[in-house]
């Protein structure tokens, strides 16, 4: 029998293989294709499922008459998420989208209205959410603010204020208090003021000039002339000044618990003020707040005078020295007090701002201030660097008392320094002279917690609007006088 050609045999073999393997390949490929189809369908549907898993909170804000309240600050917070903030539009409406299911607290604040709060606002997946209708009541006017600092902290603030007191803006005048009912100084604070006085550069310059005048007049000829004589006069004069401050104004007063400062009266008739100034040359306020005989001033003056005999020639201290020193001490203190009561306060630039008394609150430097802009940031005002109005979105408190409530206004100029950004994205802008109204005081704000901090300012758009939100910081301690 004749065998088929080679080509025919190959064709027959391929047909046999095809009939035997094709079903197996189909059985393997079909499940894989099915799984890929199911995964693709799930991936295509997952964004929709994720979107449906989120909800929204929306509502309107009106007053008792039914009028819309625009620019009200609406805050949304819960224990599980960060705080979110928005502002009502012109119709008084607001909306938070993309809110995870759960219970939330909604707080609404507007200038001139009482704070409105809704707790346990439930959010479920989907857009079918309850509509919050907030009706805000007009806030009652507060007639007082009772905020105090602990005595030692208040005294520390007064020491800082006193360090700025300079006659004619040059000569240190730290031992005068312009505060009413000022608390007593601690021993450390008394020594601090004394050290600041004797180590001040103006003290050395004044001592040098006085020593030069003495040498030109040949006072204390025992010291001689030339550089050696000048050095002796300089040393004696500086030792006189230092011992008079440290012993006469600090050490003895600390031992006997008396205050070394003169307390400015500033009120009443000229006669009553003059009698007060002269009288306080003989009495001194104790650390217990009561007036006492000025035995610390007398003893301090006598002690510093006796120490001066160690470096002055004997001929410079005639008889009856102790009596003369006591009488001169009274005369010098009376003259000092009269000058401060009627003349020197007007020549001290920072004297008017030095008073920090009980019942006054101090907003500390570095206090965070959360703000939100009232204007749309895409407006021509912002683009041209015009005046921008901000609103406070969280209360500022001092020792538990609110000194600046939500809704308080702040003002400043703003300019772009980078991209204006889009919703949800950061943008960089520049701010200039932003000040927050706190009571009757304008508190200056800066962009960093520390005075020497640096870095670009970063702002974020408020959701569903063109406004911006930012946290600034109080630039310096601000003393507030309570309204009584």
Protein backbone atom coordinates (compact mmCIF):
# COMPACT_ATOMS: atom_id res chain seq x y z
CA UNK A 1 0.00 0.00 0.00
CA UNK A 2 1.30 3.38 -0.99
CA UNK A 3 1.96 5.72 1.94
CA UNK A 4 0.54 9.29 1.79
CA UNK A 5 2.95 12.06 1.04
CA UNK A 6 4.72 13.77 3.94
CA UNK A 7 2.67 16.96 3.57
CA UNK A 8 -0.58 15.02 3.82
CA UNK A 9 0.58 13.29 6.98
CA UNK A 10 1.44 16.62 8.62
CA UNK A 11 -1.99 18.02 7.83
CA UNK A 12 -3.68 14.97 9.30
CA UNK A 13 -1.58 15.24 12.50
CA UNK A 14 -2.42 18.94 12.96
CA UNK A 15 -6.11 18.19 12.64
CA UNK A 16 -5.89 15.53 15.34
CA UNK A 17 -4.05 17.92 17.72
CA UNK A 18 -6.56 20.69 17.07
CA UNK A 19 -9.51 18.41 17.84
CA UNK A 20 -7.94 17.24 21.12
CA UNK A 21 -6.55 20.59 22.61
CA UNK A 22 -8.99 23.31 21.52
CA UNK A 23 -11.69 22.38 24.06
CA UNK A 24 -9.10 22.43 26.89
CA UNK A 25 -7.89 25.92 25.88
CA UNK A 26 -11.43 27.19 25.75
CA UNK A 27 -12.12 25.77 29.22
CA UNK A 28 -9.13 27.69 30.66
CA UNK A 29 -9.63 30.99 28.85
CA UNK A 30 -13.34 31.45 29.48
CA UNK A 31 -13.10 31.60 33.35
CA UNK A 32 -10.21 34.07 33.12
CA UNK A 33 -12.18 36.31 30.77
CA UNK A 34 -15.17 36.12 33.08
CA UNK A 35 -13.15 37.17 36.12
CA UNK A 36 -11.64 40.09 34.21
CA UNK A 37 -15.11 41.26 33.20
CA UNK A 38 -16.40 41.10 36.78
CA UNK A 39 -13.34 43.02 38.12
CA UNK A 40 -13.68 45.63 35.43
CA UNK A 41 -17.34 46.10 36.24
CA UNK A 42 -16.54 46.46 39.94
CA UNK A 43 -13.82 49.01 39.24
CA UNK A 44 -16.14 50.97 37.02
CA UNK A 45 -18.79 51.06 39.72
CA UNK A 46 -16.49 51.76 42.74
CA UNK A 47 -16.34 55.59 42.34
CA UNK A 48 -20.11 55.72 42.35
CA UNK A 49 -20.24 53.56 45.45
CA UNK A 50 -17.64 55.78 47.16
CA UNK A 51 -19.58 58.90 46.29
CA UNK A 52 -22.81 57.43 47.56
CA UNK A 53 -21.08 56.56 50.87
CA UNK A 54 -20.71 60.28 51.66
CA UNK A 55 -23.39 62.73 52.66
CA UNK A 56 -23.87 66.48 52.98
CA UNK A 57 -25.02 69.07 55.49
CA UNK A 58 -26.77 72.21 54.30
CA UNK A 59 -29.04 74.89 55.68
CA UNK A 60 -29.91 78.55 55.95
CA UNK A 61 -29.27 81.24 58.57
CA UNK A 62 -31.84 83.95 59.31
CA UNK A 63 -32.68 86.39 62.07
CA UNK A 64 -35.95 86.52 64.03
CA UNK A 65 -37.59 88.63 61.32
CA UNK A 66 -36.80 86.06 58.63
CA UNK A 67 -34.07 88.12 56.95
CA UNK A 68 -31.06 86.21 55.66
CA UNK A 69 -27.76 86.64 57.51
CA UNK A 70 -24.88 86.64 55.02
CA UNK A 71 -21.23 86.09 56.01
CA UNK A 72 -22.14 84.05 59.11
CA UNK A 73 -19.35 81.66 60.13
CA UNK A 74 -20.54 78.03 60.08
CA UNK A 75 -18.33 75.36 61.69
CA UNK A 76 -18.72 71.60 61.40
CA UNK A 77 -16.89 69.30 63.81
CA UNK A 78 -16.94 65.83 65.29
CA UNK A 79 -14.66 63.70 67.44
CA UNK A 80 -13.47 61.70 64.42
CA UNK A 81 -12.79 64.44 61.85
CA UNK A 82 -11.05 67.79 61.65
CA UNK A 83 -13.03 70.98 61.97
CA UNK A 84 -14.45 72.39 58.73
CA UNK A 85 -15.55 75.99 58.23
CA UNK A 86 -17.59 77.88 55.67
CA UNK A 87 -19.49 81.16 55.38
CA UNK A 88 -23.10 81.76 54.39
CA UNK A 89 -23.72 83.41 51.03
CA UNK A 90 -25.91 86.45 50.35
CA UNK A 91 -29.07 84.39 50.76
CA UNK A 92 -27.86 83.07 54.12
CA UNK A 93 -27.33 79.55 52.75
CA UNK A 94 -24.44 77.17 53.42
CA UNK A 95 -23.47 73.63 52.44
CA UNK A 96 -20.86 71.05 53.44
CA UNK A 97 -20.43 68.36 50.81
CA UNK A 98 -18.50 65.10 51.00
CA UNK A 99 -19.30 64.55 54.69
CA UNK A 100 -18.62 61.07 56.10
CA UNK A 101 -21.59 59.40 57.85
CA UNK A 102 -21.79 60.09 61.58
CA UNK A 103 -22.96 62.59 64.17
CA UNK A 104 -21.73 66.20 63.96
CA UNK A 105 -21.93 69.46 65.84
CA UNK A 106 -22.79 72.58 63.82
CA UNK A 107 -21.93 75.99 65.24
CA UNK A 108 -22.99 79.27 63.62
CA UNK A 109 -21.68 82.69 64.66
CA UNK A 110 -22.46 86.12 63.29
CA UNK A 111 -21.53 89.59 64.43
CA UNK A 112 -24.19 90.95 66.81
CA UNK A 113 -25.97 87.61 67.30
CA UNK A 114 -25.90 84.91 69.96
CA UNK A 115 -24.02 81.74 69.07
CA UNK A 116 -26.28 79.07 67.48
CA UNK A 117 -25.44 75.41 68.03
CA UNK A 118 -26.94 72.12 66.85
CA UNK A 119 -25.56 68.91 68.37
CA UNK A 120 -25.87 65.33 67.11
CA UNK A 121 -26.66 66.25 63.52
CA UNK A 122 -26.82 62.84 61.84
CA UNK A 123 -25.32 62.38 58.37
CA UNK A 124 -26.16 59.33 56.24
CA UNK A 125 -24.92 58.30 52.79
CA UNK A 126 -26.46 60.14 49.86
CA UNK A 127 -27.67 63.66 49.22
CA UNK A 128 -31.06 63.30 50.92
CA UNK A 129 -30.10 65.09 54.15
CA UNK A 130 -32.15 67.15 56.64
CA UNK A 131 -32.09 70.90 56.04
CA UNK A 132 -30.89 73.00 59.03
CA UNK A 133 -32.85 76.21 59.52
CA UNK A 134 -30.96 78.38 62.01
CA UNK A 135 -32.78 81.37 63.52
CA UNK A 136 -30.29 83.56 65.38
CA UNK A 137 -31.14 85.87 68.27
CA UNK A 138 -29.65 89.31 68.77
CA UNK A 139 -26.88 89.17 71.37
CA UNK A 140 -27.29 91.09 74.61
CA UNK A 141 -24.66 93.77 75.27
CA UNK A 142 -22.02 92.71 77.78
CA UNK A 143 -21.44 95.32 80.46
CA UNK A 144 -18.30 93.94 82.11
CA UNK A 145 -15.25 91.80 81.58
CA UNK A 146 -13.66 90.50 84.76
CA UNK A 147 -10.32 89.08 83.68
CA UNK A 148 -7.25 89.19 85.88
CA UNK A 149 -3.75 87.79 85.87
CA UNK A 150 -2.05 86.22 88.88
CA UNK A 151 -0.20 88.97 90.85
CA UNK A 152 3.30 87.75 89.96
CA UNK A 153 2.45 87.61 86.24
CA UNK A 154 0.86 91.05 86.40
CA UNK A 155 3.96 92.39 88.17
CA UNK A 156 6.13 90.82 85.45
CA UNK A 157 4.13 92.69 82.80
CA UNK A 158 4.64 95.93 84.73
CA UNK A 159 8.39 95.32 84.89
CA UNK A 160 8.45 94.90 81.10
CA UNK A 161 6.51 98.14 80.74
CA UNK A 162 8.81 99.95 83.18
CA UNK A 163 11.88 98.95 81.15
CA UNK A 164 10.55 101.07 78.28
CA UNK A 165 10.26 104.21 80.41
CA UNK A 166 13.00 106.69 79.47
CA UNK A 167 13.05 110.41 80.12
CA UNK A 168 13.17 112.22 76.79
CA UNK A 169 13.33 108.73 75.30
CA UNK A 170 16.96 108.37 76.52
CA UNK A 171 17.49 108.32 80.30
CA UNK A 172 16.27 105.20 82.18
CA UNK A 173 13.46 105.88 84.63
CA UNK A 174 12.46 102.38 85.70
CA UNK A 175 11.45 102.97 89.35
CA UNK A 176 8.18 104.77 88.62
CA UNK A 177 4.81 103.02 88.26
CA UNK A 178 1.90 104.55 86.34
CA UNK A 179 -0.39 101.60 87.15
CA UNK A 180 -3.33 101.88 89.48
CA UNK A 181 -3.33 99.43 92.39
CA UNK A 182 -0.18 97.77 91.07
CA UNK A 183 0.74 94.46 92.73
CA UNK A 184 4.04 94.27 94.63
CA UNK A 185 7.28 93.23 92.98
CA UNK A 186 9.10 90.07 93.96
CA UNK A 187 12.67 90.30 95.23
CA UNK A 188 13.94 89.02 91.89
CA UNK A 189 11.94 91.69 90.03
CA UNK A 190 13.33 94.45 92.28
CA UNK A 191 16.91 93.30 91.62
CA UNK A 192 16.12 93.00 87.90
CA UNK A 193 15.08 96.65 87.70
CA UNK A 194 18.15 97.67 89.71
CA UNK A 195 20.51 95.74 87.45
CA UNK A 196 18.86 97.11 84.31
CA UNK A 197 19.42 100.63 85.65
CA UNK A 198 23.10 100.35 86.63
CA UNK A 199 24.04 98.37 83.51
CA UNK A 200 22.29 100.71 81.07
CA UNK A 201 24.73 102.34 78.59
CA UNK A 202 23.24 105.75 79.38
CA UNK A 203 24.30 105.27 83.03
CA UNK A 204 27.94 104.84 81.98
CA UNK A 205 27.79 107.86 79.66
CA UNK A 206 26.21 110.02 82.37
CA UNK A 207 28.85 108.86 84.87
CA UNK A 208 31.63 109.70 82.42
CA UNK A 209 30.28 113.21 81.80
CA UNK A 210 29.89 113.87 85.55
CA UNK A 211 33.43 112.66 86.23
CA UNK A 212 34.73 114.98 83.51
CA UNK A 213 32.93 117.98 85.02
CA UNK A 214 34.34 117.12 88.45
CA UNK A 215 37.86 116.92 87.04
CA UNK A 216 37.51 120.25 85.24
CA UNK A 217 36.44 121.84 88.53
CA UNK A 218 39.13 119.92 90.41
CA UNK A 219 36.60 118.41 92.79
CA UNK A 220 38.26 115.98 95.18
CA UNK A 221 41.81 117.23 94.48
CA UNK A 222 43.14 114.17 96.30
CA UNK A 223 42.27 112.16 93.20
CA UNK A 224 44.74 114.21 91.14
CA UNK A 225 44.52 114.98 87.44
CA UNK A 226 45.19 113.16 84.17
CA UNK A 227 43.79 109.77 83.26
CA UNK A 228 44.41 108.39 86.75
CA UNK A 229 42.43 111.21 88.37
CA UNK A 230 39.63 110.84 85.85
CA UNK A 231 39.47 107.06 86.41
CA UNK A 232 39.20 107.57 90.19
CA UNK A 233 36.42 110.12 89.80
CA UNK A 234 34.61 107.88 87.31
CA UNK A 235 34.89 104.86 89.63
CA UNK A 236 33.73 106.81 92.69
CA UNK A 237 30.81 108.35 90.82
CA UNK A 238 29.68 104.98 89.37
CA UNK A 239 30.05 103.28 92.76
CA UNK A 240 27.89 106.03 94.29
CA UNK A 241 25.19 105.46 91.67
CA UNK A 242 25.33 101.65 91.84
CA UNK A 243 25.24 101.49 95.65
CA UNK A 244 22.42 104.04 95.74
CA UNK A 245 20.35 101.83 93.43
CA UNK A 246 21.24 98.36 94.69
CA UNK A 247 21.36 99.20 98.40
CA UNK A 248 19.06 102.23 98.53
CA UNK A 249 16.37 100.94 96.13
CA UNK A 250 16.64 97.15 96.08
CA UNK A 251 18.41 95.37 98.95
CA UNK A 252 16.98 97.22 101.96
CA UNK A 253 13.50 97.37 100.37
CA UNK A 254 13.62 93.60 99.82
CA UNK A 255 14.64 92.99 103.43
CA UNK A 256 11.86 95.19 104.83
CA UNK A 257 9.32 94.16 102.14
CA UNK A 258 8.73 97.66 100.79
CA UNK A 259 8.25 98.78 97.20
CA UNK A 260 11.07 100.91 95.71
CA UNK A 261 8.85 102.60 93.11
CA UNK A 262 7.08 105.95 93.11
CA UNK A 263 3.38 105.47 92.32
CA UNK A 264 2.09 108.23 90.07
CA UNK A 265 -1.19 109.78 91.28
CA UNK A 266 -2.20 111.89 88.28
CA UNK A 267 -5.70 112.78 89.53
CA UNK A 268 -7.14 115.39 91.90
CA UNK A 269 -6.24 119.02 92.48
CA UNK A 270 -2.72 120.38 92.14
CA UNK A 271 -2.56 120.83 95.91
CA UNK A 272 -3.60 117.23 96.67
CA UNK A 273 -1.12 115.88 94.15
CA UNK A 274 1.69 118.04 95.53
CA UNK A 275 0.96 116.94 99.09
CA UNK A 276 0.89 113.32 97.92
CA UNK A 277 4.26 113.66 96.16
CA UNK A 278 5.89 115.30 99.20
CA UNK A 279 4.26 112.89 101.64
CA UNK A 280 5.53 109.83 99.80
CA UNK A 281 9.07 111.02 100.51
CA UNK A 282 8.38 110.01 104.15
CA UNK A 283 6.18 106.95 103.61
CA UNK A 284 6.46 103.98 101.26
CA UNK A 285 4.01 101.33 100.11
CA UNK A 286 4.73 97.92 101.60
CA UNK A 287 4.50 94.63 99.75
CA UNK A 288 1.28 94.06 101.70
CA UNK A 289 -0.30 97.06 99.93
CA UNK A 290 -0.33 99.34 103.01
CA UNK A 291 1.56 102.63 103.42
CA UNK A 292 4.40 102.45 105.96
CA UNK A 293 7.13 104.79 107.26
CA UNK A 294 9.95 104.91 104.73
CA UNK A 295 12.53 103.30 106.99
CA UNK A 296 13.97 101.31 104.10
CA UNK A 297 14.65 104.52 102.15
CA UNK A 298 16.30 106.18 105.15
CA UNK A 299 18.43 103.15 106.07
CA UNK A 300 19.31 102.49 102.43
CA UNK A 301 20.49 106.08 101.91
CA UNK A 302 22.56 106.03 105.08
CA UNK A 303 24.11 102.66 104.22
CA UNK A 304 25.09 103.66 100.69
CA UNK A 305 26.46 106.97 102.01
CA UNK A 306 28.65 105.22 104.57
CA UNK A 307 29.96 102.82 101.94
CA UNK A 308 31.07 105.81 99.87
CA UNK A 309 33.57 106.76 102.63
CA UNK A 310 35.59 103.74 101.56
CA UNK A 311 36.56 105.33 98.23
CA UNK A 312 36.07 109.10 98.73
CA UNK A 313 38.75 111.22 100.51
CA UNK A 314 38.05 111.89 104.18
CA UNK A 315 37.86 115.65 103.56
CA UNK A 316 34.86 115.08 101.30
CA UNK A 317 32.72 113.90 104.24
CA UNK A 318 32.48 116.63 106.94
CA UNK A 319 30.87 116.17 110.38
CA UNK A 320 27.18 115.60 110.89
CA UNK A 321 27.36 113.42 107.80
CA UNK A 322 24.61 111.04 108.85
CA UNK A 323 22.13 113.82 109.66
CA UNK A 324 22.91 115.60 106.42
CA UNK A 325 22.46 112.41 104.45
CA UNK A 326 19.06 111.72 106.06
CA UNK A 327 17.81 115.24 105.43
CA UNK A 328 19.16 115.30 101.89
CA UNK A 329 17.51 111.93 101.28
CA UNK A 330 14.07 113.30 102.20
CA UNK A 331 14.64 116.42 100.07
CA UNK A 332 15.83 114.42 97.08
CA UNK A 333 12.87 112.02 97.23
CA UNK A 334 10.37 114.87 97.55
CA UNK A 335 11.92 116.68 94.57
CA UNK A 336 12.00 113.43 92.57
CA UNK A 337 8.31 112.77 93.30
CA UNK A 338 7.17 116.30 92.49
CA UNK A 339 8.99 116.27 89.16
CA UNK A 340 7.42 112.94 88.19
CA UNK A 341 3.97 114.01 89.32
CA UNK A 342 3.88 117.25 87.33
CA UNK A 343 6.66 117.32 84.72
CA UNK A 344 8.55 114.16 83.85
CA UNK A 345 5.57 112.01 82.88
CA UNK A 346 5.04 114.27 79.87
CA UNK A 347 8.69 113.75 78.89
CA UNK A 348 8.48 109.94 79.07
CA UNK A 349 7.20 108.54 75.73
CA UNK A 350 6.05 105.15 77.03
CA UNK A 351 4.65 106.31 80.38
CA UNK A 352 1.04 106.43 79.17
CA UNK A 353 1.18 102.82 78.02
CA UNK A 354 2.93 101.51 81.11
CA UNK A 355 -0.11 101.04 83.30
CA UNK A 356 -1.19 97.44 83.66
CA UNK A 357 -3.48 96.98 86.60
CA UNK A 358 -5.78 94.35 88.08
CA UNK A 359 -8.92 93.62 86.08
CA UNK A 360 -7.03 93.97 82.80
CA UNK A 361 -6.61 91.08 80.40
CA UNK A 362 -3.47 90.48 78.37
CA UNK A 363 -3.67 88.70 75.02
CA UNK A 364 -0.28 87.03 74.79
CA UNK A 365 2.12 87.36 71.89
CA UNK A 366 1.90 84.26 69.69
CA UNK A 367 -1.80 83.61 70.42
CA UNK A 368 -3.29 81.88 67.33
CA UNK A 369 -6.06 83.74 65.50
CA UNK A 370 -8.19 81.74 63.04
CA UNK A 371 -9.60 83.99 60.33
CA UNK A 372 -11.70 83.72 57.22
CA UNK A 373 -11.98 86.42 54.57
CA UNK A 374 -15.31 88.14 54.03
CA UNK A 375 -14.53 89.10 50.42
CA UNK A 376 -14.22 86.62 47.60
CA UNK A 377 -10.51 86.19 47.01
CA UNK A 378 -10.92 86.41 43.26
CA UNK A 379 -12.35 89.92 43.59
CA UNK A 380 -10.61 92.99 42.21
CA UNK A 381 -9.99 94.19 45.76
CA UNK A 382 -7.74 91.23 46.53
CA UNK A 383 -6.01 91.34 43.17
CA UNK A 384 -5.14 95.02 43.54
CA UNK A 385 -3.86 94.72 47.12
CA UNK A 386 -6.80 96.58 48.62
CA UNK A 387 -8.24 96.39 52.14
CA UNK A 388 -9.55 92.92 52.99
CA UNK A 389 -11.96 92.18 55.86
CA UNK A 390 -11.59 88.98 57.87
CA UNK A 391 -13.82 87.37 60.49
CA UNK A 392 -12.71 85.46 63.57
CA UNK A 393 -13.88 81.83 63.38
CA UNK A 394 -13.06 80.77 66.96
CA UNK A 395 -13.21 82.63 70.27
CA UNK A 396 -10.05 84.13 71.79
CA UNK A 397 -10.00 83.52 75.54
CA UNK A 398 -7.85 84.76 78.42
CA UNK A 399 -8.08 82.70 81.61
CA UNK A 400 -11.38 81.21 80.44
CA UNK A 401 -13.02 84.56 79.60
CA UNK A 402 -13.84 85.43 75.99
CA UNK A 403 -12.07 88.66 74.99
CA UNK A 404 -12.76 88.35 71.24
CA UNK A 405 -15.83 86.31 70.19
CA UNK A 406 -16.44 84.52 66.92
CA UNK A 407 -17.34 87.01 64.22
CA UNK A 408 -14.95 89.75 65.41
CA UNK A 409 -13.59 91.71 62.43
CA UNK A 410 -9.96 92.03 61.33
CA UNK A 411 -8.64 94.22 58.54
CA UNK A 412 -5.51 94.24 56.39
CA UNK A 413 -4.14 94.67 52.89
CA UNK A 414 -3.65 91.57 50.77
CA UNK A 415 -1.71 90.85 47.57
CA UNK A 416 -0.95 87.72 45.58
CA UNK A 417 2.60 86.37 45.76
CA UNK A 418 1.89 83.21 43.79
CA UNK A 419 -0.88 81.33 42.04
CA UNK A 420 -4.38 82.23 43.13
CA UNK A 421 -5.17 78.54 43.27
CA UNK A 422 -8.45 76.71 42.91
CA UNK A 423 -10.91 75.21 45.35
CA UNK A 424 -9.20 72.70 47.60
CA UNK A 425 -5.69 73.75 46.60
CA UNK A 426 -3.20 75.89 48.45
CA UNK A 427 -2.24 79.36 47.29
CA UNK A 428 0.33 81.91 48.38
CA UNK A 429 -0.54 85.52 49.15
CA UNK A 430 0.99 88.46 50.95
CA UNK A 431 -0.64 90.27 53.88
CA UNK A 432 0.28 93.66 55.28
CA UNK A 433 -0.72 95.32 58.58
CA UNK A 434 -3.50 92.92 59.56
CA UNK A 435 -5.10 94.05 62.83
CA UNK A 436 -7.83 92.38 64.88
CA UNK A 437 -10.26 94.48 66.89
CA UNK A 438 -10.19 93.18 70.50
CA UNK A 439 -12.31 95.30 72.81
CA UNK A 440 -11.15 98.88 72.32
CA UNK A 441 -7.72 97.81 71.06
CA UNK A 442 -6.38 96.91 67.63
CA UNK A 443 -4.16 93.84 68.05
CA UNK A 444 -1.44 93.52 65.36
CA UNK A 445 -1.13 90.09 63.75
CA UNK A 446 1.74 88.31 62.02
CA UNK A 447 2.07 85.11 60.01
CA UNK A 448 4.28 83.02 62.33
CA UNK A 449 4.05 82.03 66.02
CA UNK A 450 7.58 83.32 66.72
CA UNK A 451 8.75 86.85 66.05
CA UNK A 452 11.77 85.68 64.04
CA UNK A 453 9.85 82.99 62.17
CA UNK A 454 9.99 82.80 58.39
CA UNK A 455 8.41 80.97 55.49
CA UNK A 456 5.77 81.58 52.82
CA UNK A 457 2.21 82.35 53.82
CA UNK A 458 -0.09 79.53 52.83
CA UNK A 459 -3.83 80.01 52.58
CA UNK A 460 -6.68 77.73 51.61
CA UNK A 461 -9.97 78.47 49.93
CA UNK A 462 -13.10 77.97 51.99
CA UNK A 463 -15.13 75.17 50.47
CA UNK A 464 -17.86 76.18 48.05
CA UNK A 465 -16.59 79.79 47.90
CA UNK A 466 -13.73 82.00 46.79
CA UNK A 467 -12.89 83.11 50.34
CA UNK A 468 -9.71 82.12 52.15
CA UNK A 469 -9.03 80.70 55.59
CA UNK A 470 -5.80 81.20 57.55
CA UNK A 471 -4.35 81.20 61.05
CA UNK A 472 -2.34 84.27 62.05
CA UNK A 473 -0.73 85.08 65.41
CA UNK A 474 -0.80 88.04 67.81
CA UNK A 475 2.39 90.03 67.17
CA UNK A 476 2.84 91.51 70.66
CA UNK A 477 1.26 91.44 74.11
CA UNK A 478 -2.00 93.40 74.05
CA UNK A 479 -3.40 94.79 77.30
CA UNK A 480 -7.17 95.16 77.38
CA UNK A 481 -9.05 97.46 79.74
CA UNK A 482 -12.38 95.94 80.89
CA UNK A 483 -15.64 97.77 80.28
CA UNK A 484 -17.31 98.51 83.61
